[in-house]
Amino acid sequence: MKKFVFSTPMGEKKLFLLSWASPVMIVLLWEVYCRFGLIGPEILPPPSKVLLAAITLAESGALLPDLGISLKRAATGWCIGAGTGFLLGLAVGFSSIARAVLDRSIQMLRAVPFLALLPLVIVWFGVGEGQKIFLVALGVSFPVYINTTLGIRQLDPKLLEMGSTQRLTTYETIRRIIFPGALPSILMGVRYSLATAWLALVIAETIGASAGIGFLALDAREFLQTDVIVLTIVIYAVIGVCADAAARFLERRLLAWHPNYSPKR
């Protein structure tokens, strides 16, 4: 029987170009509608004006420092949150006792919105860097925790039986069976957490920020600079796309052995 192939290398290139066709078309229509006055500049400035605002801010030295500060906050919070979520996920995934002790409390905390926690976090950390990094770390930890736990819990018991038959040690069982089997789910949690990091940072930077992309947007709002406000939204979107692309690249490298992530699939 002939093997069914989802896509060929040439097909993948066409699909990649097609995936960018819609965003490009939206930007072109956006520019045309603004140029013909169908959308007022006070409501939504044209992309060309947004690009001009980016060039102006970059030349004045105001854009790159704020971008760097936001990236540093997001990276620091992500490392802390992802590490915490991964360790908790390992504990709950491997131990029924840890699951009984920790999981319900973590799920209750996960259900609390960021905005509801914000006043309490400000009391704890003030409005400085600690508050922003804590919110990012908190938001990031949940998707990593859930997917790590899920990946371990959904492991095929037959694989563990095979490891027992082969008389593998606990370390070998984790390294050769459990971790590779849970890795697709863990990396999916990493992808979700990267998006959550920026969502949490946007909320964190709306309170008491003196620098960063969120501060840039709030400052532009005070002066009704819609082009700068849209620019900050575009920056968040671009960083999100780049982060997701990096996570996909990591999946392809670490899961090259997996049939669902094979380049030939």
C-alpha atoms as a PDB file:
ATOM      1  CA  MET A   1       0.000   0.000   0.000  1.00  0.00           C
ATOM      2  CA  LYS A   2       1.309   3.421  -0.926  1.00  0.00           C
ATOM      3  CA  LYS A   3       2.250   5.522   2.089  1.00  0.00           C
ATOM      4  CA  PHE A   4       0.229   8.689   2.456  1.00  0.00           C
ATOM      5  CA  VAL A   5       2.425  11.797   2.593  1.00  0.00           C
ATOM      6  CA  PHE A   6       1.014  14.949   4.124  1.00  0.00           C
ATOM      7  CA  SER A   7       3.341  17.348   2.304  1.00  0.00           C
ATOM      8  CA  THR A   8       6.433  17.463   0.151  1.00  0.00           C
ATOM      9  CA  PRO A   9       9.337  19.911   0.657  1.00  0.00           C
ATOM     10  CA  MET A  10       7.980  22.059  -2.190  1.00  0.00           C
ATOM     11  CA  GLY A  11       4.521  21.903  -0.639  1.00  0.00           C
ATOM     12  CA  GLU A  12       5.948  23.090   2.698  1.00  0.00           C
ATOM     13  CA  LYS A  13       7.458  26.151   0.996  1.00  0.00           C
ATOM     14  CA  LYS A  14       4.154  26.989  -0.632  1.00  0.00           C
ATOM     15  CA  LEU A  15       2.334  26.601   2.663  1.00  0.00           C
ATOM     16  CA  PHE A  16       4.905  28.863   4.341  1.00  0.00           C
ATOM     17  CA  LEU A  17       4.336  31.566   1.736  1.00  0.00           C
ATOM     18  CA  LEU A  18       0.584  31.087   2.019  1.00  0.00           C
ATOM     19  CA  SER A  19       0.755  31.537   5.796  1.00  0.00           C
ATOM     20  CA  TRP A  20       2.230  35.017   5.251  1.00  0.00           C
ATOM     21  CA  ALA A  21      -0.164  35.937   2.462  1.00  0.00           C
ATOM     22  CA  SER A  22      -3.039  36.802   4.811  1.00  0.00           C
ATOM     23  CA  PRO A  23      -1.019  39.126   7.102  1.00  0.00           C
ATOM     24  CA  VAL A  24       0.490  40.908   4.101  1.00  0.00           C
ATOM     25  CA  MET A  25      -2.945  41.311   2.511  1.00  0.00           C
ATOM     26  CA  ILE A  26      -4.361  42.702   5.750  1.00  0.00           C
ATOM     27  CA  VAL A  27      -1.549  45.267   5.983  1.00  0.00           C
ATOM     28  CA  LEU A  28      -2.061  46.321   2.350  1.00  0.00           C
ATOM     29  CA  LEU A  29      -5.816  46.719   2.807  1.00  0.00           C
ATOM     30  CA  TRP A  30      -5.194  48.597   6.039  1.00  0.00           C
ATOM     31  CA  GLU A  31      -2.915  51.054   4.198  1.00  0.00           C
ATOM     32  CA  VAL A  32      -5.396  51.500   1.329  1.00  0.00           C
ATOM     33  CA  TYR A  33      -8.368  52.079   3.634  1.00  0.00           C
ATOM     34  CA  CYS A  34      -6.430  54.702   5.583  1.00  0.00           C
ATOM     35  CA  ARG A  35      -5.158  56.425   2.432  1.00  0.00           C
ATOM     36  CA  PHE A  36      -8.685  56.776   1.051  1.00  0.00           C
ATOM     37  CA  GLY A  37     -10.042  58.094   4.328  1.00  0.00           C
ATOM     38  CA  LEU A  38     -12.191  55.073   5.120  1.00  0.00           C
ATOM     39  CA  ILE A  39     -10.398  54.789   8.478  1.00  0.00           C
ATOM     40  CA  GLY A  40      -9.571  58.001  10.318  1.00  0.00           C
ATOM     41  CA  PRO A  41      -5.942  58.497  11.447  1.00  0.00           C
ATOM     42  CA  GLU A  42      -7.113  59.214  14.999  1.00  0.00           C
ATOM     43  CA  ILE A  43      -8.696  55.744  15.087  1.00  0.00           C
ATOM     44  CA  LEU A  44      -6.068  53.693  13.282  1.00  0.00           C
ATOM     45  CA  PRO A  45      -3.028  55.224  11.564  1.00  0.00           C
ATOM     46  CA  PRO A  46      -1.747  53.672   8.310  1.00  0.00           C
ATOM     47  CA  PRO A  47       1.108  51.152   8.490  1.00  0.00           C
ATOM     48  CA  SER A  48       3.430  53.625   6.763  1.00  0.00           C
ATOM     49  CA  LYS A  49       2.920  56.096   9.619  1.00  0.00           C
ATOM     50  CA  VAL A  50       3.529  53.364  12.175  1.00  0.00           C
ATOM     51  CA  LEU A  51       6.766  52.462  10.397  1.00  0.00           C
ATOM     52  CA  LEU A  52       7.784  56.133  10.377  1.00  0.00           C
ATOM     53  CA  ALA A  53       7.104  56.326  14.118  1.00  0.00           C
ATOM     54  CA  ALA A  54       9.341  53.283  14.659  1.00  0.00           C
ATOM     55  CA  ILE A  55      12.171  54.876  12.667  1.00  0.00           C
ATOM     56  CA  THR A  56      11.793  58.183  14.518  1.00  0.00           C
ATOM     57  CA  LEU A  57      11.822  56.536  17.959  1.00  0.00           C
ATOM     58  CA  ALA A  58      14.789  54.348  17.012  1.00  0.00           C
ATOM     59  CA  GLU A  59      16.774  57.338  15.784  1.00  0.00           C
ATOM     60  CA  SER A  60      15.963  59.305  18.933  1.00  0.00           C
ATOM     61  CA  GLY A  61      17.199  56.431  21.099  1.00  0.00           C
ATOM     62  CA  ALA A  62      13.845  55.901  22.835  1.00  0.00           C
ATOM     63  CA  LEU A  63      12.749  52.602  21.295  1.00  0.00           C
ATOM     64  CA  LEU A  64      15.627  50.155  21.681  1.00  0.00           C
ATOM     65  CA  PRO A  65      16.273  50.764  25.421  1.00  0.00           C
ATOM     66  CA  ASP A  66      12.571  50.240  26.208  1.00  0.00           C
ATOM     67  CA  LEU A  67      12.521  47.119  24.046  1.00  0.00           C
ATOM     68  CA  GLY A  68      15.609  45.774  25.795  1.00  0.00           C
ATOM     69  CA  ILE A  69      14.103  46.348  29.237  1.00  0.00           C
ATOM     70  CA  SER A  70      10.893  44.521  28.306  1.00  0.00           C
ATOM     71  CA  LEU A  71      12.850  41.614  26.826  1.00  0.00           C
ATOM     72  CA  LYS A  72      14.958  41.367  29.979  1.00  0.00           C
ATOM     73  CA  ARG A  73      11.859  41.331  32.191  1.00  0.00           C
ATOM     74  CA  ALA A  74      10.174  38.688  30.038  1.00  0.00           C
ATOM     75  CA  ALA A  75      13.303  36.495  29.847  1.00  0.00           C
ATOM     76  CA  THR A  76      13.986  36.671  33.598  1.00  0.00           C
ATOM     77  CA  GLY A  77      10.368  35.955  34.512  1.00  0.00           C
ATOM     78  CA  TRP A  78      10.159  33.141  31.970  1.00  0.00           C
ATOM     79  CA  CYS A  79      13.268  31.381  33.265  1.00  0.00           C
ATOM     80  CA  ILE A  80      12.037  31.544  36.864  1.00  0.00           C
ATOM     81  CA  GLY A  81       8.474  30.528  36.029  1.00  0.00           C
ATOM     82  CA  ALA A  82       9.358  27.785  33.553  1.00  0.00           C
ATOM     83  CA  GLY A  83      11.887  26.278  35.942  1.00  0.00           C
ATOM     84  CA  THR A  84       9.404  26.323  38.827  1.00  0.00           C
ATOM     85  CA  GLY A  85       6.592  24.883  36.707  1.00  0.00           C
ATOM     86  CA  PHE A  86       8.847  22.143  35.343  1.00  0.00           C
ATOM     87  CA  LEU A  87      10.030  21.046  38.793  1.00  0.00           C
ATOM     88  CA  LEU A  88       6.486  21.050  40.184  1.00  0.00           C
ATOM     89  CA  GLY A  89       5.293  19.131  37.119  1.00  0.00           C
ATOM     90  CA  LEU A  90       7.976  16.511  37.631  1.00  0.00           C
ATOM     91  CA  ALA A  91       7.068  16.118  41.297  1.00  0.00           C
ATOM     92  CA  VAL A  92       3.329  15.810  40.643  1.00  0.00           C
ATOM     93  CA  GLY A  93       3.833  13.605  37.598  1.00  0.00           C
ATOM     94  CA  PHE A  94       6.044  11.108  39.413  1.00  0.00           C
ATOM     95  CA  SER A  95       4.445  11.111  42.854  1.00  0.00           C
ATOM     96  CA  SER A  96       0.812  10.504  43.763  1.00  0.00           C
ATOM     97  CA  ILE A  97       1.493  12.019  47.188  1.00  0.00           C
ATOM     98  CA  ALA A  98       2.849  15.217  45.630  1.00  0.00           C
ATOM     99  CA  ARG A  99      -0.160  15.308  43.360  1.00  0.00           C
ATOM    100  CA  ALA A 100      -2.544  15.050  46.314  1.00  0.00           C
ATOM    101  CA  VAL A 101      -0.672  17.748  48.230  1.00  0.00           C
ATOM    102  CA  LEU A 102       0.089  20.258  45.447  1.00  0.00           C
ATOM    103  CA  ASP A 103      -2.166  19.858  42.425  1.00  0.00           C
ATOM    104  CA  ARG A 104      -5.449  21.176  43.822  1.00  0.00           C
ATOM    105  CA  SER A 105      -3.824  24.287  45.275  1.00  0.00           C
ATOM    106  CA  ILE A 106      -1.984  24.980  42.019  1.00  0.00           C
ATOM    107  CA  GLN A 107      -5.177  24.575  39.990  1.00  0.00           C
ATOM    108  CA  MET A 108      -7.017  26.993  42.295  1.00  0.00           C
ATOM    109  CA  LEU A 109      -4.250  29.563  41.929  1.00  0.00           C
ATOM    110  CA  ARG A 110      -4.238  29.083  38.155  1.00  0.00           C
ATOM    111  CA  ALA A 111      -7.917  30.020  38.017  1.00  0.00           C
ATOM    112  CA  VAL A 112      -7.262  33.455  39.553  1.00  0.00           C
ATOM    113  CA  PRO A 113      -6.954  36.206  36.867  1.00  0.00           C
ATOM    114  CA  PHE A 114      -3.826  38.349  36.718  1.00  0.00           C
ATOM    115  CA  LEU A 115      -5.774  41.551  37.367  1.00  0.00           C
ATOM    116  CA  ALA A 116      -7.236  40.116  40.563  1.00  0.00           C
ATOM    117  CA  LEU A 117      -3.746  39.395  41.900  1.00  0.00           C
ATOM    118  CA  LEU A 118      -2.260  42.722  40.828  1.00  0.00           C
ATOM    119  CA  PRO A 119      -3.217  44.762  43.958  1.00  0.00           C
ATOM    120  CA  LEU A 120      -1.786  42.090  46.258  1.00  0.00           C
ATOM    121  CA  VAL A 121       1.389  41.770  44.201  1.00  0.00           C
ATOM    122  CA  ILE A 122       1.876  45.536  44.391  1.00  0.00           C
ATOM    123  CA  VAL A 123       1.576  45.327  48.193  1.00  0.00           C
ATOM    124  CA  TRP A 124       4.206  42.578  48.225  1.00  0.00           C
ATOM    125  CA  PHE A 125       6.711  43.956  45.708  1.00  0.00           C
ATOM    126  CA  GLY A 126       5.709  47.576  45.116  1.00  0.00           C
ATOM    127  CA  VAL A 127       5.698  48.782  41.512  1.00  0.00           C
ATOM    128  CA  GLY A 128       9.328  47.980  40.760  1.00  0.00           C
ATOM    129  CA  GLU A 129      10.989  45.229  38.768  1.00  0.00           C
ATOM    130  CA  GLY A 130      10.071  42.549  41.298  1.00  0.00           C
ATOM    131  CA  GLN A 131       6.351  43.018  40.665  1.00  0.00           C
ATOM    132  CA  LYS A 132       6.740  42.697  36.905  1.00  0.00           C
ATOM    133  CA  ILE A 133       9.053  39.681  37.001  1.00  0.00           C
ATOM    134  CA  PHE A 134       6.831  37.940  39.568  1.00  0.00           C
ATOM    135  CA  LEU A 135       3.708  38.317  37.409  1.00  0.00           C
ATOM    136  CA  VAL A 136       5.524  36.976  34.356  1.00  0.00           C
ATOM    137  CA  ALA A 137       6.957  34.044  36.317  1.00  0.00           C
ATOM    138  CA  LEU A 138       3.555  33.259  37.812  1.00  0.00           C
ATOM    139  CA  GLY A 139       1.821  33.241  34.434  1.00  0.00           C
ATOM    140  CA  VAL A 140       4.543  31.176  32.779  1.00  0.00           C
ATOM    141  CA  SER A 141       4.677  28.477  35.455  1.00  0.00           C
ATOM    142  CA  PHE A 142       1.136  27.155  34.899  1.00  0.00           C
ATOM    143  CA  PRO A 143       1.309  26.013  31.236  1.00  0.00           C
ATOM    144  CA  VAL A 144       4.721  24.424  31.831  1.00  0.00           C
ATOM    145  CA  TYR A 145       3.462  22.689  34.975  1.00  0.00           C
ATOM    146  CA  ILE A 146       0.277  21.367  33.358  1.00  0.00           C
ATOM    147  CA  ASN A 147       1.960  20.059  30.221  1.00  0.00           C
ATOM    148  CA  THR A 148       4.856  18.499  32.132  1.00  0.00           C
ATOM    149  CA  THR A 149       2.437  16.677  34.432  1.00  0.00           C
ATOM    150  CA  LEU A 150       0.256  15.644  31.507  1.00  0.00           C
ATOM    151  CA  GLY A 151       3.207  14.334  29.508  1.00  0.00           C
ATOM    152  CA  ILE A 152       4.359  12.122  32.370  1.00  0.00           C
ATOM    153  CA  ARG A 153       0.883  10.915  33.300  1.00  0.00           C
ATOM    154  CA  GLN A 154      -0.032  10.001  29.720  1.00  0.00           C
ATOM    155  CA  LEU A 155       3.044   7.868  29.163  1.00  0.00           C
ATOM    156  CA  ASP A 156       2.217   4.426  27.756  1.00  0.00           C
ATOM    157  CA  PRO A 157       2.429   1.881  30.631  1.00  0.00           C
ATOM    158  CA  LYS A 158       3.722  -0.713  28.163  1.00  0.00           C
ATOM    159  CA  LEU A 159       6.893   1.342  27.772  1.00  0.00           C
ATOM    160  CA  LEU A 160       7.461   1.245  31.529  1.00  0.00           C
ATOM    161  CA  GLU A 161       6.859  -2.508  31.501  1.00  0.00           C
ATOM    162  CA  MET A 162       9.420  -2.839  28.739  1.00  0.00           C
ATOM    163  CA  GLY A 163      11.916  -0.860  30.815  1.00  0.00           C
ATOM    164  CA  SER A 164      11.246  -3.131  33.784  1.00  0.00           C
ATOM    165  CA  THR A 165      11.739  -6.193  31.580  1.00  0.00           C
ATOM    166  CA  GLN A 166      15.048  -4.810  30.376  1.00  0.00           C
ATOM    167  CA  ARG A 167      16.008  -4.201  34.025  1.00  0.00           C
ATOM    168  CA  LEU A 168      16.677  -0.519  33.537  1.00  0.00           C
ATOM    169  CA  THR A 169      17.619   1.516  36.585  1.00  0.00           C
ATOM    170  CA  THR A 170      15.397   4.392  37.732  1.00  0.00           C
ATOM    171  CA  TYR A 171      17.752   6.919  36.140  1.00  0.00           C
ATOM    172  CA  GLU A 172      17.853   5.002  32.843  1.00  0.00           C
ATOM    173  CA  THR A 173      14.057   4.652  32.847  1.00  0.00           C
ATOM    174  CA  ILE A 174      13.644   8.413  33.273  1.00  0.00           C
ATOM    175  CA  ARG A 175      16.312   9.291  30.702  1.00  0.00           C
ATOM    176  CA  ARG A 176      15.404   6.741  28.020  1.00  0.00           C
ATOM    177  CA  ILE A 177      11.637   6.308  28.433  1.00  0.00           C
ATOM    178  CA  ILE A 178       9.856   8.844  30.621  1.00  0.00           C
ATOM    179  CA  PHE A 179      11.572  12.070  29.565  1.00  0.00           C
ATOM    180  CA  PRO A 180      11.520  11.360  25.782  1.00  0.00           C
ATOM    181  CA  GLY A 181       7.888  10.262  26.020  1.00  0.00           C
ATOM    182  CA  ALA A 182       6.860  13.407  27.912  1.00  0.00           C
ATOM    183  CA  LEU A 183       9.019  15.785  25.846  1.00  0.00           C
ATOM    184  CA  PRO A 184       6.384  16.642  23.171  1.00  0.00           C
ATOM    185  CA  SER A 185       3.951  17.744  25.879  1.00  0.00           C
ATOM    186  CA  ILE A 186       6.668  19.645  27.765  1.00  0.00           C
ATOM    187  CA  LEU A 187       7.675  21.567  24.645  1.00  0.00           C
ATOM    188  CA  MET A 188       4.026  22.377  23.961  1.00  0.00           C
ATOM    189  CA  GLY A 189       3.933  23.901  27.436  1.00  0.00           C
ATOM    190  CA  VAL A 190       7.014  25.933  26.537  1.00  0.00           C
ATOM    191  CA  ARG A 191       5.219  27.329  23.470  1.00  0.00           C
ATOM    192  CA  TYR A 192       2.158  28.306  25.492  1.00  0.00           C
ATOM    193  CA  SER A 193       4.305  29.823  28.236  1.00  0.00           C
ATOM    194  CA  LEU A 194       6.150  32.086  25.792  1.00  0.00           C
ATOM    195  CA  ALA A 195       2.843  33.648  24.744  1.00  0.00           C
ATOM    196  CA  THR A 196       1.708  33.906  28.364  1.00  0.00           C
ATOM    197  CA  ALA A 197       4.929  35.690  29.312  1.00  0.00           C
ATOM    198  CA  TRP A 198       4.084  38.630  27.059  1.00  0.00           C
ATOM    199  CA  LEU A 199       0.471  38.704  28.200  1.00  0.00           C
ATOM    200  CA  ALA A 200       1.586  38.933  31.823  1.00  0.00           C
ATOM    201  CA  LEU A 201       4.224  41.545  30.982  1.00  0.00           C
ATOM    202  CA  VAL A 202       1.670  43.783  29.249  1.00  0.00           C
ATOM    203  CA  ILE A 203      -0.437  43.745  32.418  1.00  0.00           C
ATOM    204  CA  ALA A 204       2.583  44.266  34.664  1.00  0.00           C
ATOM    205  CA  GLU A 205       3.929  47.220  32.680  1.00  0.00           C
ATOM    206  CA  THR A 206       0.642  49.125  32.905  1.00  0.00           C
ATOM    207  CA  ILE A 207       1.306  49.849  36.603  1.00  0.00           C
ATOM    208  CA  GLY A 208       4.123  52.101  37.725  1.00  0.00           C
ATOM    209  CA  ALA A 209       6.451  51.439  34.803  1.00  0.00           C
ATOM    210  CA  SER A 210       9.058  54.057  33.950  1.00  0.00           C
ATOM    211  CA  ALA A 211      10.531  52.133  31.018  1.00  0.00           C
ATOM    212  CA  GLY A 212       9.604  49.299  28.688  1.00  0.00           C
ATOM    213  CA  ILE A 213       7.219  48.773  25.797  1.00  0.00           C
ATOM    214  CA  GLY A 214       4.189  49.004  28.095  1.00  0.00           C
ATOM    215  CA  PHE A 215       5.407  52.334  29.431  1.00  0.00           C
ATOM    216  CA  LEU A 216       5.932  53.532  25.855  1.00  0.00           C
ATOM    217  CA  ALA A 217       2.300  52.683  25.056  1.00  0.00           C
ATOM    218  CA  LEU A 218       0.962  54.423  28.169  1.00  0.00           C
ATOM    219  CA  ASP A 219       3.049  57.509  27.490  1.00  0.00           C
ATOM    220  CA  ALA A 220       1.769  57.611  23.901  1.00  0.00           C
ATOM    221  CA  ARG A 221      -1.812  57.308  25.150  1.00  0.00           C
ATOM    222  CA  GLU A 222      -1.400  60.458  27.238  1.00  0.00           C
ATOM    223  CA  PHE A 223      -0.473  62.406  24.090  1.00  0.00           C
ATOM    224  CA  LEU A 224      -2.961  60.591  21.800  1.00  0.00           C
ATOM    225  CA  GLN A 225      -0.120  59.184  19.664  1.00  0.00           C
ATOM    226  CA  THR A 226      -2.035  56.355  18.049  1.00  0.00           C
ATOM    227  CA  ASP A 227       0.852  55.528  15.736  1.00  0.00           C
ATOM    228  CA  VAL A 228       3.119  54.773  18.721  1.00  0.00           C
ATOM    229  CA  ILE A 229       0.373  52.776  20.446  1.00  0.00           C
ATOM    230  CA  VAL A 230      -0.100  50.633  17.330  1.00  0.00           C
ATOM    231  CA  LEU A 231       3.678  50.293  17.069  1.00  0.00           C
ATOM    232  CA  THR A 232       3.873  48.771  20.553  1.00  0.00           C
ATOM    233  CA  ILE A 233       1.127  46.299  19.603  1.00  0.00           C
ATOM    234  CA  VAL A 234       3.047  45.348  16.459  1.00  0.00           C
ATOM    235  CA  ILE A 235       6.229  44.884  18.511  1.00  0.00           C
ATOM    236  CA  TYR A 236       4.439  42.518  20.886  1.00  0.00           C
ATOM    237  CA  ALA A 237       3.070  40.580  17.906  1.00  0.00           C
ATOM    238  CA  VAL A 238       6.467  40.315  16.194  1.00  0.00           C
ATOM    239  CA  ILE A 239       8.198  39.174  19.372  1.00  0.00           C
ATOM    240  CA  GLY A 240       5.451  36.601  19.905  1.00  0.00           C
ATOM    241  CA  VAL A 241       5.892  35.233  16.392  1.00  0.00           C
ATOM    242  CA  CYS A 242       9.680  35.057  16.836  1.00  0.00           C
ATOM    243  CA  ALA A 243       9.325  33.287  20.189  1.00  0.00           C
ATOM    244  CA  ASP A 244       6.912  30.755  18.695  1.00  0.00           C
ATOM    245  CA  ALA A 245       9.273  30.178  15.760  1.00  0.00           C
ATOM    246  CA  ALA A 246      12.115  29.538  18.211  1.00  0.00           C
ATOM    247  CA  ALA A 247       9.945  27.028  20.098  1.00  0.00           C
ATOM    248  CA  ARG A 248       9.034  25.264  16.847  1.00  0.00           C
ATOM    249  CA  PHE A 249      12.714  25.078  15.903  1.00  0.00           C
ATOM    250  CA  LEU A 250      13.437  23.541  19.299  1.00  0.00           C
ATOM    251  CA  GLU A 251      10.693  20.979  18.708  1.00  0.00           C
ATOM    252  CA  ARG A 252      12.148  20.013  15.327  1.00  0.00           C
ATOM    253  CA  ARG A 253      15.626  19.593  16.790  1.00  0.00           C
ATOM    254  CA  LEU A 254      14.720  17.723  19.983  1.00  0.00           C
ATOM    255  CA  LEU A 255      11.912  15.644  18.460  1.00  0.00           C
ATOM    256  CA  ALA A 256      13.518  14.694  15.169  1.00  0.00           C
ATOM    257  CA  TRP A 257      13.045  11.030  16.178  1.00  0.00           C
ATOM    258  CA  HIS A 258       9.297  11.476  16.678  1.00  0.00           C
ATOM    259  CA  PRO A 259       7.123  10.544  13.645  1.00  0.00           C
ATOM    260  CA  ASN A 260       4.780  13.503  14.212  1.00  0.00           C
ATOM    261  CA  TYR A 261       7.692  15.970  14.037  1.00  0.00           C
ATOM    262  CA  SER A 262       9.661  14.322  11.234  1.00  0.00           C
ATOM    263  CA  PRO A 263      10.656  16.753   8.426  1.00  0.00           C
ATOM    264  CA  LYS A 264       9.431  14.167   5.902  1.00  0.00           C
ATOM    265  CA  ARG A 265       5.983  14.050   7.427  1.00  0.00           C
END
